[in-house]
Amino acid sequence: MFPLGIDYGTHSVRALVVRCLDGAEFGSAVVNFPSGKQVVLPTPKDDNLARKQIQRA
């Protein structure tokens, strides 16, 4: 059995696949979310809607 662990963070998503038998790691990946100009991410379907990306100190 090979479970898939997924972690959705503020700036990225991470995935990990392990073997249950012995805990051996089979693969992992990290994908960063897009970042817009001055951390504002426009919504493609609505020009009047945007979200702001959180800045970490």
PDB file of N, CA and C in Angstrom:
ATOM      1  N   MET A   1       0.840  -1.167   0.000  1.00  0.00           N
ATOM      2  CA  MET A   1       0.000   0.000   0.000  1.00  0.00           C
ATOM      3  C   MET A   1       0.895   1.244   0.000  1.00  0.00           C
ATOM      4  N   PHE A   2       0.514   2.241  -0.801  1.00  0.00           N
ATOM      5  CA  PHE A   2       1.295   3.465  -0.954  1.00  0.00           C
ATOM      6  C   PHE A   2       0.396   4.681  -0.736  1.00  0.00           C
ATOM      7  N   PRO A   3       0.280   5.169   0.498  1.00  0.00           N
ATOM      8  CA  PRO A   3      -0.552   6.349   0.740  1.00  0.00           C
ATOM      9  C   PRO A   3       0.087   7.621   0.184  1.00  0.00           C
ATOM     10  N   LEU A   4      -0.764   8.569  -0.138  1.00  0.00           N
ATOM     11  CA  LEU A   4      -0.346   9.862  -0.660  1.00  0.00           C
ATOM     12  C   LEU A   4      -0.706  10.921   0.369  1.00  0.00           C
ATOM     13  N   GLY A   5       0.280  11.657   0.835  1.00  0.00           N
ATOM     14  CA  GLY A   5       0.043  12.756   1.764  1.00  0.00           C
ATOM     15  C   GLY A   5       0.143  14.074   1.025  1.00  0.00           C
ATOM     16  N   ILE A   6      -0.836  14.954   1.233  1.00  0.00           N
ATOM     17  CA  ILE A   6      -0.855  16.259   0.573  1.00  0.00           C
ATOM     18  C   ILE A   6      -1.023  17.348   1.627  1.00  0.00           C
ATOM     19  N   ASP A   7      -0.193  18.379   1.548  1.00  0.00           N
ATOM     20  CA  ASP A   7      -0.246  19.510   2.473  1.00  0.00           C
ATOM     21  C   ASP A   7      -0.414  20.790   1.668  1.00  0.00           C
ATOM     22  N   TYR A   8      -1.542  21.470   1.862  1.00  0.00           N
ATOM     23  CA  TYR A   8      -1.785  22.753   1.207  1.00  0.00           C
ATOM     24  C   TYR A   8      -1.392  23.862   2.167  1.00  0.00           C
ATOM     25  N   GLY A   9      -0.333  24.582   1.849  1.00  0.00           N
ATOM     26  CA  GLY A   9       0.119  25.692   2.674  1.00  0.00           C
ATOM     27  C   GLY A   9      -0.283  27.024   2.074  1.00  0.00           C
ATOM     28  N   THR A  10       0.212  28.088   2.657  1.00  0.00           N
ATOM     29  CA  THR A  10      -0.111  29.433   2.199  1.00  0.00           C
ATOM     30  C   THR A  10       0.532  29.744   0.853  1.00  0.00           C
ATOM     31  N   HIS A  11       1.768  29.299   0.650  1.00  0.00           N
ATOM     32  CA  HIS A  11       2.522  29.640  -0.558  1.00  0.00           C
ATOM     33  C   HIS A  11       2.780  28.464  -1.487  1.00  0.00           C
ATOM     34  N   SER A  12       2.463  27.225  -1.045  1.00  0.00           N
ATOM     35  CA  SER A  12       2.758  26.069  -1.885  1.00  0.00           C
ATOM     36  C   SER A  12       1.924  24.866  -1.468  1.00  0.00           C
ATOM     37  N   VAL A  13       1.994  23.822  -2.285  1.00  0.00           N
ATOM     38  CA  VAL A  13       1.387  22.533  -1.963  1.00  0.00           C
ATOM     39  C   VAL A  13       2.510  21.497  -2.011  1.00  0.00           C
ATOM     40  N   ARG A  14       2.492  20.565  -1.069  1.00  0.00           N
ATOM     41  CA  ARG A  14       3.521  19.524  -0.986  1.00  0.00           C
ATOM     42  C   ARG A  14       2.842  18.166  -1.031  1.00  0.00           C
ATOM     43  N   ALA A  15       3.496  17.191  -1.666  1.00  0.00           N
ATOM     44  CA  ALA A  15       2.963  15.835  -1.737  1.00  0.00           C
ATOM     45  C   ALA A  15       4.074  14.842  -1.415  1.00  0.00           C
ATOM     46  N   LEU A  16       3.682  13.719  -0.784  1.00  0.00           N
ATOM     47  CA  LEU A  16       4.634  12.689  -0.391  1.00  0.00           C
ATOM     48  C   LEU A  16       3.979  11.321  -0.555  1.00  0.00           C
ATOM     49  N   VAL A  17       4.708  10.377  -1.158  1.00  0.00           N
ATOM     50  CA  VAL A  17       4.243   9.001  -1.312  1.00  0.00           C
ATOM     51  C   VAL A  17       5.209   8.099  -0.548  1.00  0.00           C
ATOM     52  N   VAL A  18       4.657   7.261   0.331  1.00  0.00           N
ATOM     53  CA  VAL A  18       5.486   6.341   1.122  1.00  0.00           C
ATOM     54  C   VAL A  18       4.947   4.920   1.019  1.00  0.00           C
ATOM     55  N   ARG A  19       5.800   3.959   1.315  1.00  0.00           N
ATOM     56  CA  ARG A  19       5.394   2.554   1.363  1.00  0.00           C
ATOM     57  C   ARG A  19       5.046   2.220   2.810  1.00  0.00           C
ATOM     58  N   CYS A  20       3.833   1.725   3.053  1.00  0.00           N
ATOM     59  CA  CYS A  20       3.382   1.418   4.421  1.00  0.00           C
ATOM     60  C   CYS A  20       4.214   0.324   5.078  1.00  0.00           C
ATOM     61  N   LEU A  21       4.687  -0.623   4.319  1.00  0.00           N
ATOM     62  CA  LEU A  21       5.415  -1.765   4.862  1.00  0.00           C
ATOM     63  C   LEU A  21       6.607  -1.347   5.707  1.00  0.00           C
ATOM     64  N   ASP A  22       7.406  -0.405   5.197  1.00  0.00           N
ATOM     65  CA  ASP A  22       8.611  -0.011   5.915  1.00  0.00           C
ATOM     66  C   ASP A  22       8.814   1.505   6.032  1.00  0.00           C
ATOM     67  N   GLY A  23       7.868   2.286   5.530  1.00  0.00           N
ATOM     68  CA  GLY A  23       7.963   3.737   5.631  1.00  0.00           C
ATOM     69  C   GLY A  23       8.914   4.372   4.634  1.00  0.00           C
ATOM     70  N   ALA A  24       9.362   3.599   3.639  1.00  0.00           N
ATOM     71  CA  ALA A  24      10.287   4.135   2.637  1.00  0.00           C
ATOM     72  C   ALA A  24       9.583   5.203   1.788  1.00  0.00           C
ATOM     73  N   GLU A  25      10.279   6.317   1.565  1.00  0.00           N
ATOM     74  CA  GLU A  25       9.744   7.405   0.753  1.00  0.00           C
ATOM     75  C   GLU A  25       9.939   7.064  -0.719  1.00  0.00           C
ATOM     76  N   PHE A  26       8.834   7.105  -1.492  1.00  0.00           N
ATOM     77  CA  PHE A  26       8.908   6.792  -2.916  1.00  0.00           C
ATOM     78  C   PHE A  26       8.996   8.032  -3.781  1.00  0.00           C
ATOM     79  N   GLY A  27       8.474   9.129  -3.298  1.00  0.00           N
ATOM     80  CA  GLY A  27       8.540  10.362  -4.080  1.00  0.00           C
ATOM     81  C   GLY A  27       7.945  11.522  -3.318  1.00  0.00           C
ATOM     82  N   SER A  28       8.385  12.703  -3.691  1.00  0.00           N
ATOM     83  CA  SER A  28       7.845  13.919  -3.083  1.00  0.00           C
ATOM     84  C   SER A  28       7.949  15.056  -4.088  1.00  0.00           C
ATOM     85  N   ALA A  29       7.109  16.070  -3.880  1.00  0.00           N
ATOM     86  CA  ALA A  29       7.130  17.224  -4.769  1.00  0.00           C
ATOM     87  C   ALA A  29       6.600  18.444  -4.024  1.00  0.00           C
ATOM     88  N   VAL A  30       7.067  19.622  -4.439  1.00  0.00           N
ATOM     89  CA  VAL A  30       6.584  20.896  -3.909  1.00  0.00           C
ATOM     90  C   VAL A  30       6.290  21.795  -5.106  1.00  0.00           C
ATOM     91  N   VAL A  31       5.104  22.391  -5.126  1.00  0.00           N
ATOM     92  CA  VAL A  31       4.733  23.318  -6.193  1.00  0.00           C
ATOM     93  C   VAL A  31       4.298  24.626  -5.537  1.00  0.00           C
ATOM     94  N   ASN A  32       4.954  25.716  -5.917  1.00  0.00           N
ATOM     95  CA  ASN A  32       4.614  27.029  -5.376  1.00  0.00           C
ATOM     96  C   ASN A  32       3.388  27.588  -6.084  1.00  0.00           C
ATOM     97  N   PHE A  33       2.537  28.282  -5.340  1.00  0.00           N
ATOM     98  CA  PHE A  33       1.386  28.945  -5.918  1.00  0.00           C
ATOM     99  C   PHE A  33       1.854  30.193  -6.657  1.00  0.00           C
ATOM    100  N   PRO A  34       1.092  30.651  -7.655  1.00  0.00           N
ATOM    101  CA  PRO A  34       1.489  31.859  -8.387  1.00  0.00           C
ATOM    102  C   PRO A  34       1.472  33.089  -7.489  1.00  0.00           C
ATOM    103  N   SER A  35       2.322  34.039  -7.813  1.00  0.00           N
ATOM    104  CA  SER A  35       2.392  35.284  -7.062  1.00  0.00           C
ATOM    105  C   SER A  35       2.256  36.440  -8.046  1.00  0.00           C
ATOM    106  N   GLY A  36       1.399  37.367  -7.730  1.00  0.00           N
ATOM    107  CA  GLY A  36       1.148  38.484  -8.639  1.00  0.00           C
ATOM    108  C   GLY A  36       1.976  39.710  -8.305  1.00  0.00           C
ATOM    109  N   LYS A  37       1.767  40.766  -9.091  1.00  0.00           N
ATOM    110  CA  LYS A  37       2.465  42.029  -8.898  1.00  0.00           C
ATOM    111  C   LYS A  37       2.033  42.631  -7.562  1.00  0.00           C
ATOM    112  N   GLN A  38       2.984  42.974  -6.736  1.00  0.00           N
ATOM    113  CA  GLN A  38       2.741  43.529  -5.402  1.00  0.00           C
ATOM    114  C   GLN A  38       1.799  42.623  -4.607  1.00  0.00           C
ATOM    115  N   VAL A  39       1.978  41.327  -4.773  1.00  0.00           N
ATOM    116  CA  VAL A  39       1.252  40.243  -4.093  1.00  0.00           C
ATOM    117  C   VAL A  39      -0.261  40.253  -4.309  1.00  0.00           C
ATOM    118  N   VAL A  40      -0.755  40.948  -5.328  1.00  0.00           N
ATOM    119  CA  VAL A  40      -2.175  40.920  -5.662  1.00  0.00           C
ATOM    120  C   VAL A  40      -2.368  39.977  -6.839  1.00  0.00           C
ATOM    121  N   LEU A  41      -3.244  38.993  -6.653  1.00  0.00           N
ATOM    122  CA  LEU A  41      -3.496  37.997  -7.690  1.00  0.00           C
ATOM    123  C   LEU A  41      -4.868  38.254  -8.310  1.00  0.00           C
ATOM    124  N   PRO A  42      -4.912  38.694  -9.577  1.00  0.00           N
ATOM    125  CA  PRO A  42      -6.203  38.954 -10.220  1.00  0.00           C
ATOM    126  C   PRO A  42      -6.938  37.649 -10.514  1.00  0.00           C
ATOM    127  N   THR A  43      -8.251  37.735 -10.600  1.00  0.00           N
ATOM    128  CA  THR A  43      -9.073  36.597 -10.964  1.00  0.00           C
ATOM    129  C   THR A  43      -9.386  36.707 -12.451  1.00  0.00           C
ATOM    130  N   PRO A  44      -8.968  35.724 -13.259  1.00  0.00           N
ATOM    131  CA  PRO A  44      -9.122  35.819 -14.713  1.00  0.00           C
ATOM    132  C   PRO A  44     -10.563  36.017 -15.198  1.00  0.00           C
ATOM    133  N   LYS A  45     -11.544  35.456 -14.505  1.00  0.00           N
ATOM    134  CA  LYS A  45     -12.930  35.546 -14.967  1.00  0.00           C
ATOM    135  C   LYS A  45     -13.626  36.835 -14.553  1.00  0.00           C
ATOM    136  N   ASP A  46     -13.041  37.574 -13.601  1.00  0.00           N
ATOM    137  CA  ASP A  46     -13.683  38.795 -13.110  1.00  0.00           C
ATOM    138  C   ASP A  46     -12.615  39.853 -12.844  1.00  0.00           C
ATOM    139  N   ASP A  47     -12.561  40.876 -13.696  1.00  0.00           N
ATOM    140  CA  ASP A  47     -11.545  41.930 -13.571  1.00  0.00           C
ATOM    141  C   ASP A  47     -11.678  42.741 -12.281  1.00  0.00           C
ATOM    142  N   ASN A  48     -12.850  42.703 -11.658  1.00  0.00           N
ATOM    143  CA  ASN A  48     -13.077  43.472 -10.439  1.00  0.00           C
ATOM    144  C   ASN A  48     -12.797  42.678  -9.166  1.00  0.00           C
ATOM    145  N   LEU A  49     -12.317  41.452  -9.313  1.00  0.00           N
ATOM    146  CA  LEU A  49     -12.071  40.591  -8.162  1.00  0.00           C
ATOM    147  C   LEU A  49     -10.603  40.177  -8.123  1.00  0.00           C
ATOM    148  N   ALA A  50      -9.978  40.289  -6.954  1.00  0.00           N
ATOM    149  CA  ALA A  50      -8.586  39.896  -6.777  1.00  0.00           C
ATOM    150  C   ALA A  50      -8.402  39.440  -5.337  1.00  0.00           C
ATOM    151  N   ARG A  51      -7.316  38.735  -5.097  1.00  0.00           N
ATOM    152  CA  ARG A  51      -7.012  38.343  -3.727  1.00  0.00           C
ATOM    153  C   ARG A  51      -5.579  38.742  -3.429  1.00  0.00           C
ATOM    154  N   LYS A  52      -5.311  39.001  -2.184  1.00  0.00           N
ATOM    155  CA  LYS A  52      -3.977  39.421  -1.786  1.00  0.00           C
ATOM    156  C   LYS A  52      -3.244  38.263  -1.149  1.00  0.00           C
ATOM    157  N   GLN A  53      -2.005  38.083  -1.575  1.00  0.00           N
ATOM    158  CA  GLN A  53      -1.162  37.036  -1.026  1.00  0.00           C
ATOM    159  C   GLN A  53      -0.600  37.513   0.314  1.00  0.00           C
ATOM    160  N   ILE A  54      -0.583  36.627   1.291  1.00  0.00           N
ATOM    161  CA  ILE A  54      -0.093  36.954   2.632  1.00  0.00           C
ATOM    162  C   ILE A  54       1.421  37.075   2.611  1.00  0.00           C
ATOM    163  N   GLN A  55       1.931  38.152   3.206  1.00  0.00           N
ATOM    164  CA  GLN A  55       3.368  38.357   3.329  1.00  0.00           C
ATOM    165  C   GLN A  55       3.850  37.845   4.686  1.00  0.00           C
ATOM    166  N   ARG A  56       4.911  37.055   4.679  1.00  0.00           N
ATOM    167  CA  ARG A  56       5.492  36.583   5.928  1.00  0.00           C
ATOM    168  C   ARG A  56       6.672  37.452   6.310  1.00  0.00           C
ATOM    169  N   ALA A  57       6.800  37.713   7.573  1.00  0.00           N
ATOM    170  CA  ALA A  57       7.902  38.565   8.054  1.00  0.00           C
ATOM    171  C   ALA A  57       9.195  37.797   8.120  1.00  0.00           C
TER     172      ALA A  57
END
